[in-house]
C-alpha atoms as a PDB file:
ATOM      1  CA  MET A   1      -0.128  -0.192  -0.146  1.00  0.00           C
ATOM      2  CA  SER A   2       1.418   2.894  -1.116  1.00  0.00           C
ATOM      3  CA  GLU A   3       1.673   6.038   1.512  1.00  0.00           C
ATOM      4  CA  SER A   4      -0.404   3.895   3.337  1.00  0.00           C
ATOM      5  CA  LYS A   5      -0.968   5.443   6.954  1.00  0.00           C
ATOM      6  CA  ILE A   6      -0.825   0.907   8.135  1.00  0.00           C
ATOM      7  CA  SER A   7       1.673  -0.793   7.873  1.00  0.00           C
ATOM      8  CA  VAL A   8       1.322  -4.689   6.947  1.00  0.00           C
ATOM      9  CA  GLU A   9       3.716  -7.398   6.835  1.00  0.00           C
ATOM     10  CA  THR A  10       3.506 -11.364   6.554  1.00  0.00           C
ATOM     11  CA  GLN A  11       5.414 -13.058   9.590  1.00  0.00           C
ATOM     12  CA  GLY A  12       4.841 -16.972   8.938  1.00  0.00           C
ATOM     13  CA  HIS A  13       0.793 -16.980   9.010  1.00  0.00           C
ATOM     14  CA  VAL A  14       0.471 -14.407  10.738  1.00  0.00           C
ATOM     15  CA  LEU A  15      -0.044 -10.749   9.463  1.00  0.00           C
ATOM     16  CA  LEU A  16       0.894  -7.718  11.567  1.00  0.00           C
ATOM     17  CA  ILE A  17      -0.920  -4.888  10.955  1.00  0.00           C
ATOM     18  CA  GLY A  18       0.743  -1.324  12.255  1.00  0.00           C
ATOM     19  CA  LEU A  19      -1.171   1.375  12.614  1.00  0.00           C
ATOM     20  CA  ASN A  20       1.528   4.330  11.506  1.00  0.00           C
ATOM     21  CA  ARG A  21       1.001   7.536  11.914  1.00  0.00           C
ATOM     22  CA  ALA A  22       2.820   7.928  14.973  1.00  0.00           C
ATOM     23  CA  GLU A  23       3.626  11.626  14.369  1.00  0.00           C
ATOM     24  CA  LYS A  24       0.163  12.327  15.058  1.00  0.00           C
ATOM     25  CA  ARG A  25      -0.932  10.158  17.597  1.00  0.00           C
ATOM     26  CA  ASN A  26      -1.877   7.628  14.957  1.00  0.00           C
ATOM     27  CA  ALA A  27      -5.136   9.845  15.354  1.00  0.00           C
ATOM     28  CA  PHE A  28      -7.597   8.160  12.540  1.00  0.00           C
ATOM     29  CA  ASP A  29      -8.227  10.105   9.192  1.00  0.00           C
ATOM     30  CA  LEU A  30     -10.264   8.246   6.325  1.00  0.00           C
ATOM     31  CA  GLN A  31      -7.343   6.910   4.326  1.00  0.00           C
ATOM     32  CA  MET A  32      -6.415   5.502   7.545  1.00  0.00           C
ATOM     33  CA  TYR A  33      -9.251   3.477   8.396  1.00  0.00           C
ATOM     34  CA  SER A  34      -9.576   2.351   4.830  1.00  0.00           C
ATOM     35  CA  ASP A  35      -6.202   1.282   4.686  1.00  0.00           C
ATOM     36  CA  LEU A  36      -6.613  -0.777   7.518  1.00  0.00           C
ATOM     37  CA  GLY A  37     -10.479  -2.541   6.170  1.00  0.00           C
ATOM     38  CA  ALA A  38      -8.172  -3.089   3.323  1.00  0.00           C
ATOM     39  CA  ALA A  39      -5.619  -5.398   5.809  1.00  0.00           C
ATOM     40  CA  TYR A  40      -7.763  -6.724   7.447  1.00  0.00           C
ATOM     41  CA  GLY A  41      -9.855  -7.540   3.907  1.00  0.00           C
ATOM     42  CA  GLU A  42      -6.230  -9.543   3.163  1.00  0.00           C
ATOM     43  CA  LEU A  43      -6.329 -11.624   6.114  1.00  0.00           C
ATOM     44  CA  ASN A  44      -9.884 -12.875   5.434  1.00  0.00           C
ATOM     45  CA  SER A  45      -8.956 -13.674   1.626  1.00  0.00           C
ATOM     46  CA  ASN A  46      -5.164 -14.576   2.086  1.00  0.00           C
ATOM     47  CA  PRO A  47      -5.979 -18.301   3.120  1.00  0.00           C
ATOM     48  CA  GLU A  48      -1.908 -18.438   3.760  1.00  0.00           C
ATOM     49  CA  LEU A  49      -3.018 -16.122   7.155  1.00  0.00           C
ATOM     50  CA  ARG A  50      -4.171 -17.726   9.748  1.00  0.00           C
ATOM     51  CA  CYS A  51      -4.670 -14.918  12.439  1.00  0.00           C
ATOM     52  CA  GLY A  52      -3.485 -11.170  13.034  1.00  0.00           C
ATOM     53  CA  LEU A  53      -1.769  -8.947  15.035  1.00  0.00           C
ATOM     54  CA  LEU A  54      -3.159  -5.348  15.683  1.00  0.00           C
ATOM     55  CA  TYR A  55      -0.418  -3.113  16.834  1.00  0.00           C
ATOM     56  CA  ALA A  56       0.946   0.690  17.142  1.00  0.00           C
ATOM     57  CA  ALA A  57       3.948   2.168  16.147  1.00  0.00           C
ATOM     58  CA  GLY A  58       5.437   4.978  18.428  1.00  0.00           C
ATOM     59  CA  ASP A  59       4.477   5.657  22.396  1.00  0.00           C
ATOM     60  CA  HIS A  60       0.491   5.650  21.372  1.00  0.00           C
ATOM     61  CA  PHE A  61      -1.818   3.382  20.043  1.00  0.00           C
ATOM     62  CA  THR A  62      -4.055   5.903  18.753  1.00  0.00           C
ATOM     63  CA  GLY A  63      -5.818   9.718  20.131  1.00  0.00           C
ATOM     64  CA  GLY A  64      -8.751   8.684  18.688  1.00  0.00           C
ATOM     65  CA  LEU A  65     -10.647   9.930  15.520  1.00  0.00           C
ATOM     66  CA  ASP A  66      -9.119  13.162  13.463  1.00  0.00           C
ATOM     67  CA  LEU A  67     -12.785  14.393  13.840  1.00  0.00           C
ATOM     68  CA  PRO A  68     -12.972  17.335  11.817  1.00  0.00           C
ATOM     69  CA  LYS A  69     -12.196  14.842   9.038  1.00  0.00           C
ATOM     70  CA  TRP A  70     -15.348  12.904  10.147  1.00  0.00           C
ATOM     71  CA  ALA A  71     -17.508  14.963  10.501  1.00  0.00           C
ATOM     72  CA  PRO A  72     -18.883  15.304   6.855  1.00  0.00           C
ATOM     73  CA  ALA A  73     -19.657  11.371   6.846  1.00  0.00           C
ATOM     74  CA  PHE A  74     -20.827  10.963  10.492  1.00  0.00           C
ATOM     75  CA  SER A  75     -23.454  14.434   8.717  1.00  0.00           C
ATOM     76  CA  GLN A  76     -25.170  12.595   6.758  1.00  0.00           C
ATOM     77  CA  GLY A  77     -25.315   9.371   9.052  1.00  0.00           C
ATOM     78  CA  ARG A  78     -22.892   6.873   7.445  1.00  0.00           C
ATOM     79  CA  PHE A  79     -18.940   5.569   7.628  1.00  0.00           C
ATOM     80  CA  PRO A  80     -16.801   6.084   5.336  1.00  0.00           C
ATOM     81  CA  ASP A  81     -16.756   4.202   2.126  1.00  0.00           C
ATOM     82  CA  LEU A  82     -14.294   1.161   1.954  1.00  0.00           C
ATOM     83  CA  PRO A  83     -12.746  -0.257  -0.963  1.00  0.00           C
ATOM     84  CA  ALA A  84     -13.516  -2.799  -2.659  1.00  0.00           C
ATOM     85  CA  GLY A  85     -12.175  -6.366  -0.386  1.00  0.00           C
ATOM     86  CA  ALA A  86     -12.150  -4.108   2.300  1.00  0.00           C
ATOM     87  CA  VAL A  87     -12.957  -5.619   5.802  1.00  0.00           C
ATOM     88  CA  ASP A  88     -15.481  -3.530   8.262  1.00  0.00           C
ATOM     89  CA  PRO A  89     -12.311  -2.757  10.719  1.00  0.00           C
ATOM     90  CA  LEU A  90     -15.108  -2.240  13.589  1.00  0.00           C
ATOM     91  CA  GLY A  91     -16.801  -5.339  13.024  1.00  0.00           C
ATOM     92  CA  ALA A  92     -20.517  -3.807  12.848  1.00  0.00           C
ATOM     93  CA  ASP A  93     -21.148  -5.176   9.700  1.00  0.00           C
ATOM     94  CA  GLU A  94     -22.054  -8.963   9.658  1.00  0.00           C
ATOM     95  CA  ASN A  95     -21.722  -9.518   6.239  1.00  0.00           C
ATOM     96  CA  ASN A  96     -18.447  -7.921   5.940  1.00  0.00           C
ATOM     97  CA  ARG A  97     -16.974  -9.290   9.363  1.00  0.00           C
ATOM     98  CA  LEU A  98     -12.618 -10.443   9.944  1.00  0.00           C
ATOM     99  CA  ARG A  99     -13.413 -14.291  10.115  1.00  0.00           C
ATOM    100  CA  LYS A 100     -10.368 -15.361  11.191  1.00  0.00           C
ATOM    101  CA  PRO A 101      -8.818 -13.950  14.878  1.00  0.00           C
ATOM    102  CA  LEU A 102      -7.324 -11.141  16.331  1.00  0.00           C
ATOM    103  CA  VAL A 103      -4.782 -10.228  18.867  1.00  0.00           C
ATOM    104  CA  MET A 104      -4.640  -7.010  19.746  1.00  0.00           C
ATOM    105  CA  ALA A 105      -1.301  -4.933  21.514  1.00  0.00           C
ATOM    106  CA  VAL A 106      -1.336  -0.997  23.154  1.00  0.00           C
ATOM    107  CA  GLN A 107      -0.089   0.978  24.699  1.00  0.00           C
ATOM    108  CA  GLY A 108       0.177   4.776  25.738  1.00  0.00           C
ATOM    109  CA  ILE A 109      -3.176   6.339  24.998  1.00  0.00           C
ATOM    110  CA  CYS A 110      -5.990   4.279  23.723  1.00  0.00           C
ATOM    111  CA  PHE A 111      -8.813   6.623  23.109  1.00  0.00           C
ATOM    112  CA  THR A 112     -12.413   6.362  21.556  1.00  0.00           C
ATOM    113  CA  ILE A 113     -12.025   4.299  18.081  1.00  0.00           C
ATOM    114  CA  GLY A 114      -9.862   2.364  19.843  1.00  0.00           C
ATOM    115  CA  ILE A 115     -11.438   1.056  22.377  1.00  0.00           C
ATOM    116  CA  GLU A 116     -13.789   0.049  19.699  1.00  0.00           C
ATOM    117  CA  LEU A 117     -11.062  -1.478  17.659  1.00  0.00           C
ATOM    118  CA  LEU A 118      -9.893  -3.371  20.405  1.00  0.00           C
ATOM    119  CA  LEU A 119     -13.949  -4.519  20.990  1.00  0.00           C
ATOM    120  CA  ALA A 120     -13.893  -6.414  17.803  1.00  0.00           C
ATOM    121  CA  THR A 121     -10.936  -7.759  18.350  1.00  0.00           C
ATOM    122  CA  ASP A 122     -10.209 -10.640  20.477  1.00  0.00           C
ATOM    123  CA  ILE A 123      -7.624 -11.410  22.693  1.00  0.00           C
ATOM    124  CA  ARG A 124      -6.185  -8.313  23.719  1.00  0.00           C
ATOM    125  CA  VAL A 125      -2.708  -7.278  25.668  1.00  0.00           C
ATOM    126  CA  ALA A 126      -1.956  -3.765  27.359  1.00  0.00           C
ATOM    127  CA  ALA A 127       1.190  -2.434  28.201  1.00  0.00           C
ATOM    128  CA  GLN A 128       1.796  -1.174  32.021  1.00  0.00           C
ATOM    129  CA  GLY A 129       0.642   2.529  31.793  1.00  0.00           C
ATOM    130  CA  THR A 130      -2.228   2.191  28.770  1.00  0.00           C
ATOM    131  CA  ARG A 131      -4.566   5.248  29.360  1.00  0.00           C
ATOM    132  CA  PHE A 132      -7.701   4.078  28.188  1.00  0.00           C
ATOM    133  CA  GLY A 133     -10.604   6.985  27.456  1.00  0.00           C
ATOM    134  CA  GLN A 134     -14.276   6.244  25.331  1.00  0.00           C
ATOM    135  CA  ILE A 135     -14.394  10.707  25.357  1.00  0.00           C
ATOM    136  CA  GLU A 136     -16.617  10.923  23.125  1.00  0.00           C
ATOM    137  CA  VAL A 137     -19.486  12.774  25.363  1.00  0.00           C
ATOM    138  CA  LYS A 138     -16.726  15.270  26.254  1.00  0.00           C
ATOM    139  CA  ARG A 139     -17.099  16.279  21.926  1.00  0.00           C
ATOM    140  CA  GLY A 140     -20.728  16.746  22.196  1.00  0.00           C
ATOM    141  CA  ILE A 141     -21.341  13.165  20.327  1.00  0.00           C
ATOM    142  CA  TYR A 142     -21.390   9.558  21.669  1.00  0.00           C
ATOM    143  CA  PRO A 143     -19.606   6.351  20.537  1.00  0.00           C
ATOM    144  CA  VAL A 144     -20.940   4.767  16.753  1.00  0.00           C
ATOM    145  CA  GLY A 145     -18.298   2.101  16.588  1.00  0.00           C
ATOM    146  CA  GLY A 146     -19.723  -0.631  18.809  1.00  0.00           C
ATOM    147  CA  ALA A 147     -18.514   0.658  22.178  1.00  0.00           C
ATOM    148  CA  THR A 148     -22.341   1.297  23.149  1.00  0.00           C
ATOM    149  CA  VAL A 149     -22.993  -2.585  22.453  1.00  0.00           C
ATOM    150  CA  ARG A 150     -19.378  -4.134  22.611  1.00  0.00           C
ATOM    151  CA  PHE A 151     -18.460  -2.452  26.127  1.00  0.00           C
ATOM    152  CA  LEU A 152     -21.315  -3.754  27.647  1.00  0.00           C
ATOM    153  CA  GLN A 153     -21.384  -7.273  26.526  1.00  0.00           C
ATOM    154  CA  GLU A 154     -17.160  -7.768  27.741  1.00  0.00           C
ATOM    155  CA  VAL A 155     -17.784  -5.919  30.824  1.00  0.00           C
ATOM    156  CA  GLY A 156     -21.119  -5.829  32.009  1.00  0.00           C
ATOM    157  CA  TRP A 157     -23.789  -2.755  32.489  1.00  0.00           C
ATOM    158  CA  GLY A 158     -22.453  -1.128  35.495  1.00  0.00           C
ATOM    159  CA  ASN A 159     -18.676  -1.109  34.336  1.00  0.00           C
ATOM    160  CA  ALA A 160     -19.374   0.413  30.793  1.00  0.00           C
ATOM    161  CA  MET A 161     -21.832   3.042  32.141  1.00  0.00           C
ATOM    162  CA  ARG A 162     -19.107   4.116  34.365  1.00  0.00           C
ATOM    163  CA  TYR A 163     -17.279   5.329  31.611  1.00  0.00           C
ATOM    164  CA  LEU A 164     -19.423   5.350  28.618  1.00  0.00           C
ATOM    165  CA  LEU A 165     -21.683   7.978  30.662  1.00  0.00           C
ATOM    166  CA  THR A 166     -18.253   9.879  32.686  1.00  0.00           C
ATOM    167  CA  ALA A 167     -15.640  10.141  29.776  1.00  0.00           C
ATOM    168  CA  ASP A 168     -13.349   9.205  32.817  1.00  0.00           C
ATOM    169  CA  GLU A 169     -10.160   7.475  31.933  1.00  0.00           C
ATOM    170  CA  PHE A 170      -8.675   4.306  33.418  1.00  0.00           C
ATOM    171  CA  GLY A 171      -5.563   2.595  32.975  1.00  0.00           C
ATOM    172  CA  ALA A 172      -4.408  -1.225  32.485  1.00  0.00           C
ATOM    173  CA  GLU A 173      -5.118  -2.039  35.280  1.00  0.00           C
ATOM    174  CA  GLU A 174      -8.712  -1.330  35.507  1.00  0.00           C
ATOM    175  CA  ALA A 175      -8.982  -2.234  32.064  1.00  0.00           C
ATOM    176  CA  TYR A 176      -7.891  -5.868  33.172  1.00  0.00           C
ATOM    177  CA  ARG A 177     -10.012  -6.141  36.163  1.00  0.00           C
ATOM    178  CA  ILE A 178     -13.015  -5.235  33.963  1.00  0.00           C
ATOM    179  CA  GLY A 179     -11.740  -7.565  31.247  1.00  0.00           C
ATOM    180  CA  LEU A 180     -11.554  -5.222  28.683  1.00  0.00           C
ATOM    181  CA  VAL A 181      -7.842  -6.727  28.091  1.00  0.00           C
ATOM    182  CA  GLN A 182      -6.515 -10.261  28.776  1.00  0.00           C
ATOM    183  CA  GLU A 183      -3.050  -9.513  29.703  1.00  0.00           C
ATOM    184  CA  VAL A 184      -0.848  -6.201  31.042  1.00  0.00           C
ATOM    185  CA  VAL A 185       2.789  -6.980  30.526  1.00  0.00           C
ATOM    186  CA  GLU A 186       5.562  -4.764  31.124  1.00  0.00           C
ATOM    187  CA  HIS A 187       5.979  -1.705  28.382  1.00  0.00           C
ATOM    188  CA  GLY A 188       6.959  -2.111  25.473  1.00  0.00           C
ATOM    189  CA  LYS A 189       6.792  -5.987  25.932  1.00  0.00           C
ATOM    190  CA  GLN A 190       3.275  -5.721  24.951  1.00  0.00           C
ATOM    191  CA  PHE A 191       3.965  -6.600  20.907  1.00  0.00           C
ATOM    192  CA  GLU A 192       6.338  -9.246  21.659  1.00  0.00           C
ATOM    193  CA  ARG A 193       3.355 -10.938  24.071  1.00  0.00           C
ATOM    194  CA  ALA A 194       1.077 -10.498  21.526  1.00  0.00           C
ATOM    195  CA  LEU A 195       2.953 -11.869  18.851  1.00  0.00           C
ATOM    196  CA  ALA A 196       3.556 -14.995  21.112  1.00  0.00           C
ATOM    197  CA  ILE A 197      -0.249 -15.902  21.098  1.00  0.00           C
ATOM    198  CA  ALA A 198      -0.825 -14.748  17.588  1.00  0.00           C
ATOM    199  CA  GLU A 199       1.601 -17.501  17.008  1.00  0.00           C
ATOM    200  CA  THR A 200      -0.241 -20.133  18.989  1.00  0.00           C
ATOM    201  CA  VAL A 201      -3.601 -19.328  17.463  1.00  0.00           C
ATOM    202  CA  ALA A 202      -1.965 -19.521  13.762  1.00  0.00           C
ATOM    203  CA  LYS A 203      -0.358 -23.218  14.988  1.00  0.00           C
ATOM    204  CA  GLN A 204      -3.823 -24.773  15.384  1.00  0.00           C
ATOM    205  CA  SER A 205      -5.891 -26.004  13.188  1.00  0.00           C
ATOM    206  CA  PRO A 206      -7.550 -22.880  10.967  1.00  0.00           C
ATOM    207  CA  LEU A 207     -10.212 -24.765  10.244  1.00  0.00           C
ATOM    208  CA  GLY A 208     -11.090 -25.332  13.940  1.00  0.00           C
ATOM    209  CA  VAL A 209     -10.122 -22.073  15.141  1.00  0.00           C
ATOM    210  CA  GLN A 210     -12.368 -20.463  12.592  1.00  0.00           C
ATOM    211  CA  ALA A 211     -15.279 -22.800  13.523  1.00  0.00           C
ATOM    212  CA  SER A 212     -15.157 -21.913  17.049  1.00  0.00           C
ATOM    213  CA  LEU A 213     -15.388 -17.865  16.179  1.00  0.00           C
ATOM    214  CA  ALA A 214     -17.881 -18.124  14.139  1.00  0.00           C
ATOM    215  CA  SER A 215     -19.709 -20.477  17.145  1.00  0.00           C
ATOM    216  CA  ALA A 216     -19.079 -17.820  19.778  1.00  0.00           C
ATOM    217  CA  ARG A 217     -19.835 -15.204  17.686  1.00  0.00           C
ATOM    218  CA  ILE A 218     -23.358 -17.337  17.279  1.00  0.00           C
ATOM    219  CA  ALA A 219     -23.969 -17.484  20.773  1.00  0.00           C
ATOM    220  CA  ARG A 220     -23.299 -13.843  21.206  1.00  0.00           C
ATOM    221  CA  ILE A 221     -25.575 -12.249  18.625  1.00  0.00           C
ATOM    222  CA  ASP A 222     -28.242 -15.306  18.426  1.00  0.00           C
ATOM    223  CA  GLY A 223     -28.097 -16.896  21.487  1.00  0.00           C
ATOM    224  CA  ASP A 224     -27.382 -19.671  23.135  1.00  0.00           C
ATOM    225  CA  LYS A 225     -29.988 -21.830  21.444  1.00  0.00           C
ATOM    226  CA  ALA A 226     -29.018 -20.910  18.119  1.00  0.00           C
ATOM    227  CA  ALA A 227     -25.157 -21.758  18.747  1.00  0.00           C
ATOM    228  CA  PHE A 228     -26.303 -25.162  20.244  1.00  0.00           C
ATOM    229  CA  ALA A 229     -28.188 -25.799  17.278  1.00  0.00           C
ATOM    230  CA  ARG A 230     -25.328 -24.830  14.728  1.00  0.00           C
ATOM    231  CA  LEU A 231     -22.797 -27.374  16.948  1.00  0.00           C
ATOM    232  CA  LEU A 232     -22.898 -30.559  14.909  1.00  0.00           C
ATOM    233  CA  PRO A 233     -23.818 -29.456  11.640  1.00  0.00           C
ATOM    234  CA  ASP A 234     -21.054 -27.447  11.233  1.00  0.00           C
ATOM    235  CA  LEU A 235     -18.464 -29.997  12.518  1.00  0.00           C
ATOM    236  CA  MET A 236     -19.506 -32.223  10.275  1.00  0.00           C
ATOM    237  CA  PRO A 237     -17.466 -31.242   6.867  1.00  0.00           C
ATOM    238  CA  ILE A 238     -14.941 -30.228   9.335  1.00  0.00           C
ATOM    239  CA  MET A 239     -14.463 -34.097  10.242  1.00  0.00           C
ATOM    240  CA  LYS A 240     -14.038 -34.700   6.339  1.00  0.00           C
ATOM    241  CA  SER A 241     -10.823 -32.605   6.016  1.00  0.00           C
ATOM    242  CA  ASP A 242      -7.047 -33.232   5.957  1.00  0.00           C
ATOM    243  CA  ASP A 243      -6.621 -31.222   9.019  1.00  0.00           C
ATOM    244  CA  ALA A 244      -9.238 -33.666  11.064  1.00  0.00           C
ATOM    245  CA  GLN A 245      -7.300 -36.624  10.029  1.00  0.00           C
ATOM    246  CA  GLU A 246      -3.961 -34.825  10.851  1.00  0.00           C
ATOM    247  CA  GLY A 247      -5.162 -34.186  13.898  1.00  0.00           C
ATOM    248  CA  VAL A 248      -5.541 -37.506  14.939  1.00  0.00           C
ATOM    249  CA  GLN A 249      -3.140 -39.168  13.615  1.00  0.00           C
ATOM    250  CA  ALA A 250      -0.875 -36.581  15.360  1.00  0.00           C
ATOM    251  CA  PHE A 251      -2.547 -37.554  18.568  1.00  0.00           C
ATOM    252  CA  ILE A 252      -1.985 -41.209  18.146  1.00  0.00           C
ATOM    253  CA  GLU A 253       1.855 -40.479  17.365  1.00  0.00           C
ATOM    254  CA  ARG A 254       2.221 -38.042  20.155  1.00  0.00           C
ATOM    255  CA  ARG A 255       3.801 -35.614  17.884  1.00  0.00           C
ATOM    256  CA  GLU A 256       2.623 -31.739  17.322  1.00  0.00           C
ATOM    257  CA  ALA A 257       0.236 -31.688  14.604  1.00  0.00           C
ATOM    258  CA  ARG A 258       1.073 -29.690  11.114  1.00  0.00           C
ATOM    259  CA  PHE A 259      -2.288 -28.375   9.610  1.00  0.00           C
ATOM    260  CA  LYS A 260      -2.825 -26.611   6.162  1.00  0.00           C
ATOM    261  CA  GLY A 261      -6.468 -25.639   6.624  1.00  0.00           C
ATOM    262  CA  ARG A 262      -7.944 -27.574   4.077  1.00  0.00           C
END
């Protein structure tokens, strides 16, 4: 991606996706949002990629939206357009959502869209000293990228309202306490730890991982009954796969499985 504000690099079966506007505290303008969607699209469509890692260059994950540049689209009641093949980075469009797992590493300040991007990922690692803030109500608006839905789902009503309605900042330890992040590590170690998790995910059966993610999302969106109804029917085609046979053979031979994603 020429002149992209998002860096994209492949490491094994993991796609490293970096916010690359450090001189502006990775504030999101429209191009950055578009480029991020394109990177997610590459992760979704490339069969060699099994997991993504979202991180940020510089001292901060993001200071939030570059709000004046977003105001025209918001005034029209829409998000900025994404290029062909892109995936909604905020995961609000269930028909155009990332199908593969995404790990996130965060440091410095992580405001507004930063938290909403985090809520659309699956496993999150925060550096000590990270400052979170869902501060839209300080700007005369409210979060429209998923926080009013997913923040509640992740941390419960009271914890979500505590920060959605006050715009108070909170730290990494509080984010861990309420379940917003899964690990807190020494500052500077967040990328390393998140990459280790992503590489562990990428070693597993891609079919099994994606089916697990899809099943959990059905439970969250459509409820337990709908998810239970899909378990065995969705397992049947996987049982015919090479990876399922490899998993059994590796178990018999007491070795690590070598999955191919088919």
